[in-house]
PDB file of N, CA and C in Angstrom:
ATOM      1  N   MET A   1     137.244 162.710 107.259  1.00  0.00           N
ATOM      2  CA  MET A   1     135.973 163.362 107.127  1.00  0.00           C
ATOM      3  C   MET A   1     136.042 164.514 106.132  1.00  0.00           C
ATOM      4  N   LYS A   2     137.148 165.163 106.089  1.00  0.00           N
ATOM      5  CA  LYS A   2     137.307 166.266 105.162  1.00  0.00           C
ATOM      6  C   LYS A   2     137.187 165.793 103.711  1.00  0.00           C
ATOM      7  N   ASP A   3     137.651 164.573 103.425  1.00  0.00           N
ATOM      8  CA  ASP A   3     137.568 164.036 102.075  1.00  0.00           C
ATOM      9  C   ASP A   3     136.115 163.897 101.622  1.00  0.00           C
ATOM     10  N   ASN A   4     135.204 163.537 102.545  1.00  0.00           N
ATOM     11  CA  ASN A   4     133.795 163.392 102.192  1.00  0.00           C
ATOM     12  C   ASN A   4     133.186 164.718 101.755  1.00  0.00           C
ATOM     13  N   LYS A   5     133.551 165.814 102.442  1.00  0.00           N
ATOM     14  CA  LYS A   5     133.023 167.119 102.061  1.00  0.00           C
ATOM     15  C   LYS A   5     133.491 167.493 100.663  1.00  0.00           C
ATOM     16  N   LEU A   6     134.751 167.246 100.389  1.00  0.00           N
ATOM     17  CA  LEU A   6     135.258 167.541  99.055  1.00  0.00           C
ATOM     18  C   LEU A   6     134.562 166.660  98.024  1.00  0.00           C
ATOM     19  N   GLY A   7     134.299 165.422  98.381  1.00  0.00           N
ATOM     20  CA  GLY A   7     133.596 164.524  97.477  1.00  0.00           C
ATOM     21  C   GLY A   7     132.184 165.010  97.196  1.00  0.00           C
ATOM     22  N   ARG A   8     131.502 165.460  98.224  1.00  0.00           N
ATOM     23  CA  ARG A   8     130.151 165.979  98.048  1.00  0.00           C
ATOM     24  C   ARG A   8     130.165 167.268  97.243  1.00  0.00           C
ATOM     25  N   ARG A   9     131.113 168.127  97.529  1.00  0.00           N
ATOM     26  CA  ARG A   9     131.223 169.385  96.783  1.00  0.00           C
ATOM     27  C   ARG A   9     131.463 169.109  95.305  1.00  0.00           C
ATOM     28  N   ARG A  10     132.361 168.178  95.054  1.00  0.00           N
ATOM     29  CA  ARG A  10     132.659 167.838  93.657  1.00  0.00           C
ATOM     30  C   ARG A  10     131.420 167.240  92.983  1.00  0.00           C
ATOM     31  N   ALA A  11     130.716 166.372  93.700  1.00  0.00           N
ATOM     32  CA  ALA A  11     129.511 165.762  93.139  1.00  0.00           C
ATOM     33  C   ALA A  11     128.458 166.830  92.829  1.00  0.00           C
ATOM     34  N   LEU A  12     128.264 167.771  93.741  1.00  0.00           N
ATOM     35  CA  LEU A  12     127.300 168.841  93.506  1.00  0.00           C
ATOM     36  C   LEU A  12     127.714 169.713  92.326  1.00  0.00           C
ATOM     37  N   LYS A  13     129.004 169.963  92.216  1.00  0.00           N
ATOM     38  CA  LYS A  13     129.513 170.763  91.104  1.00  0.00           C
ATOM     39  C   LYS A  13     129.249 170.050  89.777  1.00  0.00           C
ATOM     40  N   VAL A  14     129.544 168.757  89.721  1.00  0.00           N
ATOM     41  CA  VAL A  14     129.324 167.975  88.505  1.00  0.00           C
ATOM     42  C   VAL A  14     127.835 167.932  88.168  1.00  0.00           C
ATOM     43  N   LEU A  15     126.984 167.712  89.173  1.00  0.00           N
ATOM     44  CA  LEU A  15     125.541 167.684  88.938  1.00  0.00           C
ATOM     45  C   LEU A  15     125.031 169.041  88.460  1.00  0.00           C
ATOM     46  N   GLY A  16     125.567 170.103  89.024  1.00  0.00           N
ATOM     47  CA  GLY A  16     125.176 171.450  88.601  1.00  0.00           C
ATOM     48  C   GLY A  16     125.545 171.714  87.161  1.00  0.00           C
ATOM     49  N   ILE A  17     126.749 171.350  86.779  1.00  0.00           N
ATOM     50  CA  ILE A  17     127.190 171.532  85.395  1.00  0.00           C
ATOM     51  C   ILE A  17     126.334 170.679  84.466  1.00  0.00           C
ATOM     52  N   GLY A  18     126.054 169.452  84.887  1.00  0.00           N
ATOM     53  CA  GLY A  18     125.206 168.572  84.077  1.00  0.00           C
ATOM     54  C   GLY A  18     123.808 169.146  83.900  1.00  0.00           C
ATOM     55  N   GLY A  19     123.259 169.717  84.960  1.00  0.00           N
ATOM     56  CA  GLY A  19     121.930 170.322  84.881  1.00  0.00           C
ATOM     57  C   GLY A  19     121.891 171.513  83.941  1.00  0.00           C
ATOM     58  N   VAL A  20     122.908 172.355  84.021  1.00  0.00           N
ATOM     59  CA  VAL A  20     122.990 173.512  83.131  1.00  0.00           C
ATOM     60  C   VAL A  20     123.125 173.058  81.681  1.00  0.00           C
ATOM     61  N   THR A  21     123.948 172.045  81.457  1.00  0.00           N
ATOM     62  CA  THR A  21     124.130 171.515  80.104  1.00  0.00           C
ATOM     63  C   THR A  21     122.820 170.945  79.572  1.00  0.00           C
ATOM     64  N   ALA A  22     122.129 170.159  80.392  1.00  0.00           N
ATOM     65  CA  ALA A  22     120.852 169.576  79.966  1.00  0.00           C
ATOM     66  C   ALA A  22     119.832 170.672  79.658  1.00  0.00           C
ATOM     67  N   PHE A  23     119.785 171.709  80.485  1.00  0.00           N
ATOM     68  CA  PHE A  23     118.867 172.823  80.250  1.00  0.00           C
ATOM     69  C   PHE A  23     119.186 173.506  78.927  1.00  0.00           C
ATOM     70  N   GLY A  24     120.466 173.721  78.663  1.00  0.00           N
ATOM     71  CA  GLY A  24     120.880 174.347  77.409  1.00  0.00           C
ATOM     72  C   GLY A  24     120.481 173.523  76.203  1.00  0.00           C
ATOM     73  N   LEU A  25     120.684 172.218  76.285  1.00  0.00           N
ATOM     74  CA  LEU A  25     120.307 171.341  75.174  1.00  0.00           C
ATOM     75  C   LEU A  25     118.798 171.337  74.966  1.00  0.00           C
ATOM     76  N   PHE A  26     118.053 171.279  76.052  1.00  0.00           N
ATOM     77  CA  PHE A  26     116.597 171.288  75.952  1.00  0.00           C
ATOM     78  C   PHE A  26     116.107 172.604  75.373  1.00  0.00           C
ATOM     79  N   SER A  27     116.682 173.717  75.816  1.00  0.00           N
ATOM     80  CA  SER A  27     116.284 175.023  75.297  1.00  0.00           C
ATOM     81  C   SER A  27     116.555 175.132  73.809  1.00  0.00           C
ATOM     82  N   ALA A  28     117.705 174.649  73.377  1.00  0.00           N
ATOM     83  CA  ALA A  28     118.045 174.692  71.952  1.00  0.00           C
ATOM     84  C   ALA A  28     117.084 173.832  71.146  1.00  0.00           C
ATOM     85  N   ALA A  29     116.692 172.708  71.698  1.00  0.00           N
ATOM     86  CA  ALA A  29     115.780 171.809  70.988  1.00  0.00           C
ATOM     87  C   ALA A  29     114.363 172.360  70.935  1.00  0.00           C
ATOM     88  N   CYS A  30     114.002 173.184  71.891  1.00  0.00           N
ATOM     89  CA  CYS A  30     112.627 173.680  71.971  1.00  0.00           C
ATOM     90  C   CYS A  30     112.342 174.889  71.104  1.00  0.00           C
ATOM     91  N   GLY A  31     113.312 175.499  70.552  1.00  0.00           N
ATOM     92  CA  GLY A  31     112.994 176.658  69.722  1.00  0.00           C
ATOM     93  C   GLY A  31     114.160 177.595  69.617  1.00  0.00           C
ATOM     94  N   GLY A  32     115.241 177.126  69.162  1.00  0.00           N
ATOM     95  CA  GLY A  32     116.431 177.936  69.061  1.00  0.00           C
ATOM     96  C   GLY A  32     116.406 178.938  67.936  1.00  0.00           C
ATOM     97  N   GLY A  33     115.369 178.967  67.110  1.00  0.00           N
ATOM     98  CA  GLY A  33     115.370 179.919  66.023  1.00  0.00           C
ATOM     99  C   GLY A  33     114.066 179.922  65.257  1.00  0.00           C
ATOM    100  N   GLU A  34     113.986 180.825  64.290  1.00  0.00           N
ATOM    101  CA  GLU A  34     112.798 180.991  63.477  1.00  0.00           C
ATOM    102  C   GLU A  34     112.564 179.822  62.541  1.00  0.00           C
ATOM    103  N   GLU A  35     113.640 179.229  62.007  1.00  0.00           N
ATOM    104  CA  GLU A  35     113.497 178.197  60.995  1.00  0.00           C
ATOM    105  C   GLU A  35     112.711 176.993  61.461  1.00  0.00           C
ATOM    106  N   GLY A  36     112.838 176.601  62.711  1.00  0.00           N
ATOM    107  CA  GLY A  36     112.203 175.380  63.179  1.00  0.00           C
ATOM    108  C   GLY A  36     111.087 175.666  64.128  1.00  0.00           C
ATOM    109  N   GLY A  37     109.975 176.113  63.656  1.00  0.00           N
ATOM    110  CA  GLY A  37     108.867 176.361  64.537  1.00  0.00           C
ATOM    111  C   GLY A  37     107.781 175.325  64.392  1.00  0.00           C
ATOM    112  N   GLY A  38     107.972 174.331  63.571  1.00  0.00           N
ATOM    113  CA  GLY A  38     106.899 173.391  63.314  1.00  0.00           C
ATOM    114  C   GLY A  38     107.024 172.155  64.135  1.00  0.00           C
ATOM    115  N   GLY A  39     106.150 171.246  63.924  1.00  0.00           N
ATOM    116  CA  GLY A  39     106.242 169.980  64.616  1.00  0.00           C
ATOM    117  C   GLY A  39     105.271 169.012  64.017  1.00  0.00           C
ATOM    118  N   GLY A  40     105.521 167.740  64.140  1.00  0.00           N
ATOM    119  CA  GLY A  40     104.554 166.873  63.550  1.00  0.00           C
ATOM    120  C   GLY A  40     104.816 165.422  63.540  1.00  0.00           C
ATOM    121  N   GLY A  41     105.314 164.821  62.599  1.00  0.00           N
ATOM    122  CA  GLY A  41     105.290 163.390  62.320  1.00  0.00           C
ATOM    123  C   GLY A  41     105.288 162.482  63.510  1.00  0.00           C
ATOM    124  N   GLY A  42     104.239 161.722  63.647  1.00  0.00           N
ATOM    125  CA  GLY A  42     104.079 160.883  64.807  1.00  0.00           C
ATOM    126  C   GLY A  42     105.057 159.753  64.913  1.00  0.00           C
ATOM    127  N   GLY A  43     105.764 159.375  63.882  1.00  0.00           N
ATOM    128  CA  GLY A  43     106.675 158.279  64.066  1.00  0.00           C
ATOM    129  C   GLY A  43     107.545 158.010  62.867  1.00  0.00           C
ATOM    130  N   GLY A  44     107.332 158.702  61.786  1.00  0.00           N
ATOM    131  CA  GLY A  44     108.108 158.420  60.594  1.00  0.00           C
ATOM    132  C   GLY A  44     108.987 159.577  60.221  1.00  0.00           C
ATOM    133  N   GLY A  45     109.419 159.591  58.960  1.00  0.00           N
ATOM    134  CA  GLY A  45     110.295 160.637  58.487  1.00  0.00           C
ATOM    135  C   GLY A  45     109.564 161.912  58.144  1.00  0.00           C
ATOM    136  N   ASP A  46     108.260 161.840  57.919  1.00  0.00           N
ATOM    137  CA  ASP A  46     107.489 163.048  57.686  1.00  0.00           C
ATOM    138  C   ASP A  46     106.076 162.830  58.188  1.00  0.00           C
ATOM    139  N   SER A  47     105.370 163.928  58.394  1.00  0.00           N
ATOM    140  CA  SER A  47     104.024 163.845  58.919  1.00  0.00           C
ATOM    141  C   SER A  47     103.073 163.450  57.799  1.00  0.00           C
ATOM    142  N   GLU A  48     102.178 162.531  58.064  1.00  0.00           N
ATOM    143  CA  GLU A  48     101.258 162.009  57.048  1.00  0.00           C
ATOM    144  C   GLU A  48     100.587 163.135  56.286  1.00  0.00           C
ATOM    145  N   GLY A  49     100.674 163.084  54.963  1.00  0.00           N
ATOM    146  CA  GLY A  49      99.979 164.024  54.118  1.00  0.00           C
ATOM    147  C   GLY A  49     100.582 165.409  54.043  1.00  0.00           C
ATOM    148  N   CYS A  50     101.640 165.680  54.739  1.00  0.00           N
ATOM    149  CA  CYS A  50     102.224 167.015  54.740  1.00  0.00           C
ATOM    150  C   CYS A  50     103.464 167.097  53.866  1.00  0.00           C
ATOM    151  N   GLY A  51     104.180 166.021  53.708  1.00  0.00           N
ATOM    152  CA  GLY A  51     105.299 165.951  52.792  1.00  0.00           C
ATOM    153  C   GLY A  51     106.605 166.559  53.248  1.00  0.00           C
ATOM    154  N   ALA A  52     106.634 167.298  54.321  1.00  0.00           N
ATOM    155  CA  ALA A  52     107.879 167.906  54.787  1.00  0.00           C
ATOM    156  C   ALA A  52     108.644 166.914  55.658  1.00  0.00           C
ATOM    157  N   PRO A  53     109.946 166.758  55.428  1.00  0.00           N
ATOM    158  CA  PRO A  53     110.733 165.818  56.231  1.00  0.00           C
ATOM    159  C   PRO A  53     110.898 166.293  57.674  1.00  0.00           C
ATOM    160  N   VAL A  54     111.106 165.344  58.553  1.00  0.00           N
ATOM    161  CA  VAL A  54     111.316 165.631  59.970  1.00  0.00           C
ATOM    162  C   VAL A  54     112.714 165.151  60.336  1.00  0.00           C
ATOM    163  N   ASP A  55     113.558 166.062  60.826  1.00  0.00           N
ATOM    164  CA  ASP A  55     114.930 165.679  61.172  1.00  0.00           C
ATOM    165  C   ASP A  55     114.973 164.869  62.466  1.00  0.00           C
ATOM    166  N   ALA A  56     116.108 164.252  62.734  1.00  0.00           N
ATOM    167  CA  ALA A  56     116.257 163.351  63.889  1.00  0.00           C
ATOM    168  C   ALA A  56     116.025 164.072  65.214  1.00  0.00           C
ATOM    169  N   GLN A  57     116.522 165.301  65.339  1.00  0.00           N
ATOM    170  CA  GLN A  57     116.356 166.049  66.590  1.00  0.00           C
ATOM    171  C   GLN A  57     114.876 166.353  66.837  1.00  0.00           C
ATOM    172  N   SER A  58     114.185 166.762  65.786  1.00  0.00           N
ATOM    173  CA  SER A  58     112.759 167.036  65.905  1.00  0.00           C
ATOM    174  C   SER A  58     111.982 165.757  66.214  1.00  0.00           C
ATOM    175  N   GLN A  59     112.368 164.663  65.575  1.00  0.00           N
ATOM    176  CA  GLN A  59     111.701 163.387  65.828  1.00  0.00           C
ATOM    177  C   GLN A  59     111.877 162.960  67.284  1.00  0.00           C
ATOM    178  N   GLN A  60     113.054 163.196  67.839  1.00  0.00           N
ATOM    179  CA  GLN A  60     113.303 162.869  69.246  1.00  0.00           C
ATOM    180  C   GLN A  60     112.402 163.702  70.159  1.00  0.00           C
ATOM    181  N   MET A  61     112.265 164.995  69.848  1.00  0.00           N
ATOM    182  CA  MET A  61     111.409 165.863  70.656  1.00  0.00           C
ATOM    183  C   MET A  61     109.950 165.415  70.547  1.00  0.00           C
ATOM    184  N   ARG A  62     109.526 165.031  69.358  1.00  0.00           N
ATOM    185  CA  ARG A  62     108.162 164.535  69.169  1.00  0.00           C
ATOM    186  C   ARG A  62     107.919 163.283  70.009  1.00  0.00           C
ATOM    187  N   THR A  63     108.899 162.405  70.031  1.00  0.00           N
ATOM    188  CA  THR A  63     108.794 161.180  70.822  1.00  0.00           C
ATOM    189  C   THR A  63     108.723 161.519  72.307  1.00  0.00           C
ATOM    190  N   THR A  64     109.583 162.424  72.756  1.00  0.00           N
ATOM    191  CA  THR A  64     109.604 162.837  74.161  1.00  0.00           C
ATOM    192  C   THR A  64     108.263 163.436  74.576  1.00  0.00           C
ATOM    193  N   LEU A  65     107.686 164.260  73.707  1.00  0.00           N
ATOM    194  CA  LEU A  65     106.409 164.911  74.011  1.00  0.00           C
ATOM    195  C   LEU A  65     105.204 164.035  73.670  1.00  0.00           C
ATOM    196  N   GLN A  66     105.472 162.814  73.200  1.00  0.00           N
ATOM    197  CA  GLN A  66     104.439 161.840  72.846  1.00  0.00           C
ATOM    198  C   GLN A  66     103.434 162.408  71.843  1.00  0.00           C
ATOM    199  N   TYR A  67     103.971 163.093  70.818  1.00  0.00           N
ATOM    200  CA  TYR A  67     103.132 163.648  69.758  1.00  0.00           C
ATOM    201  C   TYR A  67     102.430 162.527  68.996  1.00  0.00           C
ATOM    202  N   LYS A  68     101.141 162.710  68.778  1.00  0.00           N
ATOM    203  CA  LYS A  68     100.324 161.793  67.978  1.00  0.00           C
ATOM    204  C   LYS A  68      99.631 162.614  66.901  1.00  0.00           C
ATOM    205  N   GLU A  69      99.502 162.055  65.710  1.00  0.00           N
ATOM    206  CA  GLU A  69      98.863 162.769  64.613  1.00  0.00           C
ATOM    207  C   GLU A  69      97.351 162.846  64.767  1.00  0.00           C
ATOM    208  N   GLN A  70      96.791 162.065  65.671  1.00  0.00           N
ATOM    209  CA  GLN A  70      95.357 162.099  65.946  1.00  0.00           C
ATOM    210  C   GLN A  70      95.156 162.153  67.456  1.00  0.00           C
ATOM    211  N   SER A  71      94.568 163.235  67.940  1.00  0.00           N
ATOM    212  CA  SER A  71      94.339 163.396  69.374  1.00  0.00           C
ATOM    213  C   SER A  71      93.344 162.366  69.888  1.00  0.00           C
ATOM    214  N   THR A  72      93.603 161.881  71.079  1.00  0.00           N
ATOM    215  CA  THR A  72      92.671 160.974  71.743  1.00  0.00           C
ATOM    216  C   THR A  72      91.969 161.678  72.903  1.00  0.00           C
ATOM    217  N   GLU A  73      92.245 162.977  73.065  1.00  0.00           N
ATOM    218  CA  GLU A  73      91.649 163.752  74.147  1.00  0.00           C
ATOM    219  C   GLU A  73      90.668 164.765  73.568  1.00  0.00           C
ATOM    220  N   ALA A  74      89.405 164.618  73.920  1.00  0.00           N
ATOM    221  CA  ALA A  74      88.362 165.499  73.399  1.00  0.00           C
ATOM    222  C   ALA A  74      88.674 166.963  73.703  1.00  0.00           C
ATOM    223  N   GLY A  75      88.564 167.794  72.684  1.00  0.00           N
ATOM    224  CA  GLY A  75      88.770 169.226  72.864  1.00  0.00           C
ATOM    225  C   GLY A  75      90.214 169.666  72.946  1.00  0.00           C
ATOM    226  N   LYS A  76      91.143 168.741  72.853  1.00  0.00           N
ATOM    227  CA  LYS A  76      92.567 169.084  72.917  1.00  0.00           C
ATOM    228  C   LYS A  76      93.249 168.572  71.658  1.00  0.00           C
ATOM    229  N   ASN A  77      93.553 169.489  70.748  1.00  0.00           N
ATOM    230  CA  ASN A  77      94.288 169.118  69.548  1.00  0.00           C
ATOM    231  C   ASN A  77      95.221 170.261  69.169  1.00  0.00           C
ATOM    232  N   CYS A  78      96.103 170.000  68.239  1.00  0.00           N
ATOM    233  CA  CYS A  78      97.099 171.003  67.859  1.00  0.00           C
ATOM    234  C   CYS A  78      96.455 172.295  67.373  1.00  0.00           C
ATOM    235  N   ALA A  79      95.343 172.194  66.642  1.00  0.00           N
ATOM    236  CA  ALA A  79      94.698 173.377  66.083  1.00  0.00           C
ATOM    237  C   ALA A  79      94.227 174.356  67.156  1.00  0.00           C
ATOM    238  N   ASN A  80      93.950 173.879  68.374  1.00  0.00           N
ATOM    239  CA  ASN A  80      93.531 174.801  69.426  1.00  0.00           C
ATOM    240  C   ASN A  80      94.572 174.916  70.544  1.00  0.00           C
ATOM    241  N   CYS A  81      95.820 174.627  70.206  1.00  0.00           N
ATOM    242  CA  CYS A  81      96.936 174.723  71.157  1.00  0.00           C
ATOM    243  C   CYS A  81      97.651 176.066  70.990  1.00  0.00           C
ATOM    244  N   ALA A  82      98.129 176.612  72.076  1.00  0.00           N
ATOM    245  CA  ALA A  82      98.855 177.886  72.047  1.00  0.00           C
ATOM    246  C   ALA A  82     100.167 177.791  71.272  1.00  0.00           C
ATOM    247  N   GLN A  83     100.737 176.602  71.142  1.00  0.00           N
ATOM    248  CA  GLN A  83     102.015 176.418  70.444  1.00  0.00           C
ATOM    249  C   GLN A  83     101.847 176.253  68.931  1.00  0.00           C
ATOM    250  N   TYR A  84     100.626 176.095  68.455  1.00  0.00           N
ATOM    251  CA  TYR A  84     100.347 175.790  67.049  1.00  0.00           C
ATOM    252  C   TYR A  84     100.523 177.017  66.159  1.00  0.00           C
ATOM    253  N   VAL A  85     101.146 176.811  64.987  1.00  0.00           N
ATOM    254  CA  VAL A  85     101.325 177.862  63.989  1.00  0.00           C
ATOM    255  C   VAL A  85     100.534 177.430  62.751  1.00  0.00           C
ATOM    256  N   GLU A  86      99.380 178.025  62.552  1.00  0.00           N
ATOM    257  CA  GLU A  86      98.468 177.612  61.486  1.00  0.00           C
ATOM    258  C   GLU A  86      99.055 177.850  60.095  1.00  0.00           C
ATOM    259  N   GLY A  87      98.879 176.857  59.207  1.00  0.00           N
ATOM    260  CA  GLY A  87      99.242 176.977  57.808  1.00  0.00           C
ATOM    261  C   GLY A  87     100.724 177.013  57.487  1.00  0.00           C
ATOM    262  N   GLN A  88     101.572 176.716  58.426  1.00  0.00           N
ATOM    263  CA  GLN A  88     103.013 176.791  58.190  1.00  0.00           C
ATOM    264  C   GLN A  88     103.479 175.792  57.135  1.00  0.00           C
ATOM    265  N   TYR A  89     102.792 174.669  57.007  1.00  0.00           N
ATOM    266  CA  TYR A  89     103.134 173.632  56.030  1.00  0.00           C
ATOM    267  C   TYR A  89     101.911 173.290  55.180  1.00  0.00           C
ATOM    268  N   GLY A  90     101.301 174.282  54.592  1.00  0.00           N
ATOM    269  CA  GLY A  90     100.110 174.043  53.777  1.00  0.00           C
ATOM    270  C   GLY A  90      98.923 173.669  54.643  1.00  0.00           C
ATOM    271  N   ASP A  91      98.361 172.482  54.402  1.00  0.00           N
ATOM    272  CA  ASP A  91      97.225 172.024  55.206  1.00  0.00           C
ATOM    273  C   ASP A  91      97.635 171.708  56.637  1.00  0.00           C
ATOM    274  N   CYS A  92      98.905 171.465  56.835  1.00  0.00           N
ATOM    275  CA  CYS A  92      99.425 171.192  58.175  1.00  0.00           C
ATOM    276  C   CYS A  92      99.986 172.475  58.768  1.00  0.00           C
ATOM    277  N   GLY A  93      99.981 172.535  60.062  1.00  0.00           N
ATOM    278  CA  GLY A  93     100.557 173.681  60.736  1.00  0.00           C
ATOM    279  C   GLY A  93     101.942 173.349  61.246  1.00  0.00           C
ATOM    280  N   GLY A  94     102.455 174.230  62.063  1.00  0.00           N
ATOM    281  CA  GLY A  94     103.741 174.022  62.702  1.00  0.00           C
ATOM    282  C   GLY A  94     103.577 174.104  64.207  1.00  0.00           C
ATOM    283  N   CYS A  95     104.665 173.937  64.917  1.00  0.00           N
ATOM    284  CA  CYS A  95     104.652 173.986  66.376  1.00  0.00           C
ATOM    285  C   CYS A  95     105.856 174.783  66.845  1.00  0.00           C
ATOM    286  N   ASN A  96     105.688 175.552  67.893  1.00  0.00           N
ATOM    287  CA  ASN A  96     106.791 176.331  68.449  1.00  0.00           C
ATOM    288  C   ASN A  96     107.790 175.475  69.220  1.00  0.00           C
ATOM    289  N   LEU A  97     107.476 174.212  69.470  1.00  0.00           N
ATOM    290  CA  LEU A  97     108.344 173.359  70.278  1.00  0.00           C
ATOM    291  C   LEU A  97     109.298 172.498  69.467  1.00  0.00           C
ATOM    292  N   PHE A  98     108.972 172.221  68.210  1.00  0.00           N
ATOM    293  CA  PHE A  98     109.846 171.409  67.359  1.00  0.00           C
ATOM    294  C   PHE A  98     109.548 171.722  65.899  1.00  0.00           C
ATOM    295  N   SER A  99     110.468 171.372  65.017  1.00  0.00           N
ATOM    296  CA  SER A  99     110.312 171.698  63.606  1.00  0.00           C
ATOM    297  C   SER A  99     109.551 170.615  62.854  1.00  0.00           C
ATOM    298  N   GLY A 100     109.075 170.973  61.684  1.00  0.00           N
ATOM    299  CA  GLY A 100     108.354 170.041  60.841  1.00  0.00           C
ATOM    300  C   GLY A 100     106.853 170.226  60.947  1.00  0.00           C
ATOM    301  N   PRO A 101     106.115 169.571  60.055  1.00  0.00           N
ATOM    302  CA  PRO A 101     104.661 169.736  60.020  1.00  0.00           C
ATOM    303  C   PRO A 101     103.949 169.064  61.186  1.00  0.00           C
ATOM    304  N   VAL A 102     102.805 169.638  61.530  1.00  0.00           N
ATOM    305  CA  VAL A 102     101.966 169.121  62.613  1.00  0.00           C
ATOM    306  C   VAL A 102     100.542 168.986  62.082  1.00  0.00           C
ATOM    307  N   GLN A 103      99.942 167.859  62.309  1.00  0.00           N
ATOM    308  CA  GLN A 103      98.545 167.661  61.932  1.00  0.00           C
ATOM    309  C   GLN A 103      97.656 168.512  62.849  1.00  0.00           C
ATOM    310  N   PRO A 104      96.717 169.271  62.303  1.00  0.00           N
ATOM    311  CA  PRO A 104      95.837 170.091  63.143  1.00  0.00           C
ATOM    312  C   PRO A 104      95.073 169.265  64.182  1.00  0.00           C
ATOM    313  N   GLN A 105      94.763 168.018  63.864  1.00  0.00           N
ATOM    314  CA  GLN A 105      94.031 167.154  64.793  1.00  0.00           C
ATOM    315  C   GLN A 105      94.966 166.358  65.712  1.00  0.00           C
ATOM    316  N   GLY A 106      96.264 166.670  65.683  1.00  0.00           N
ATOM    317  CA  GLY A 106      97.247 165.982  66.525  1.00  0.00           C
ATOM    318  C   GLY A 106      97.208 166.441  67.974  1.00  0.00           C
ATOM    319  N   HIS A 107      98.096 165.876  68.781  1.00  0.00           N
ATOM    320  CA  HIS A 107      98.148 166.207  70.213  1.00  0.00           C
ATOM    321  C   HIS A 107      99.491 165.782  70.789  1.00  0.00           C
ATOM    322  N   CYS A 108      99.965 166.481  71.820  1.00  0.00           N
ATOM    323  CA  CYS A 108     101.165 166.063  72.553  1.00  0.00           C
ATOM    324  C   CYS A 108     101.023 166.461  74.020  1.00  0.00           C
ATOM    325  N   LEU A 109     101.984 166.051  74.824  1.00  0.00           N
ATOM    326  CA  LEU A 109     101.938 166.329  76.264  1.00  0.00           C
ATOM    327  C   LEU A 109     102.019 167.815  76.600  1.00  0.00           C
ATOM    328  N   SER A 110     102.550 168.626  75.687  1.00  0.00           N
ATOM    329  CA  SER A 110     102.719 170.057  75.956  1.00  0.00           C
ATOM    330  C   SER A 110     101.540 170.897  75.480  1.00  0.00           C
ATOM    331  N   TRP A 111     100.402 170.263  75.217  1.00  0.00           N
ATOM    332  CA  TRP A 111      99.234 171.020  74.777  1.00  0.00           C
ATOM    333  C   TRP A 111      98.883 172.072  75.812  1.00  0.00           C
ATOM    334  N   ALA A 112      98.620 173.291  75.339  1.00  0.00           N
ATOM    335  CA  ALA A 112      98.198 174.392  76.208  1.00  0.00           C
ATOM    336  C   ALA A 112      97.101 175.166  75.487  1.00  0.00           C
ATOM    337  N   ALA A 113      96.056 175.508  76.191  1.00  0.00           N
ATOM    338  CA  ALA A 113      94.939 176.228  75.586  1.00  0.00           C
ATOM    339  C   ALA A 113      95.399 177.574  75.044  1.00  0.00           C
ATOM    340  N   GLN A 114      94.844 177.958  73.902  1.00  0.00           N
ATOM    341  CA  GLN A 114      95.139 179.267  73.333  1.00  0.00           C
ATOM    342  C   GLN A 114      94.531 180.345  74.218  1.00  0.00           C
ATOM    343  N   ALA A 115      95.200 181.485  74.264  1.00  0.00           N
ATOM    344  CA  ALA A 115      94.671 182.612  75.022  1.00  0.00           C
ATOM    345  C   ALA A 115      93.411 183.120  74.327  1.00  0.00           C
ATOM    346  N   GLU A 116      92.418 183.435  75.095  1.00  0.00           N
ATOM    347  CA  GLU A 116      91.171 183.933  74.513  1.00  0.00           C
ATOM    348  C   GLU A 116      91.333 185.388  74.129  1.00  0.00           C
ATOM    349  N   GLY A 117      90.711 185.718  72.995  1.00  0.00           N
ATOM    350  CA  GLY A 117      90.730 187.123  72.599  1.00  0.00           C
ATOM    351  C   GLY A 117      91.310 187.397  71.313  1.00  0.00           C
TER     352      GLY A 117
END
């Protein structure tokens, strides 16, 4: 019976370390610095009409957040999202969650209303 407790303890320890590691990776991907505040391309190497390339890590985050270059939800688009950085890539903006250009009319699962005022 003592072996089971050690097994459970070890399993919890491994799961805890895995959780901390996953959190660290997610945090780094979400905004580890000033350089990568944008977001955008719905599925290719760059966001349509913006011309800025999208790296593999950013593309993965876009896929995870189900970013689309054209919102299908009325009243919810990147231009009125709290994460949006207007004009960061010319006509396209940026996003605080991933790097690269974001279409103002785009949308993702992390959309949040801008604070009023």
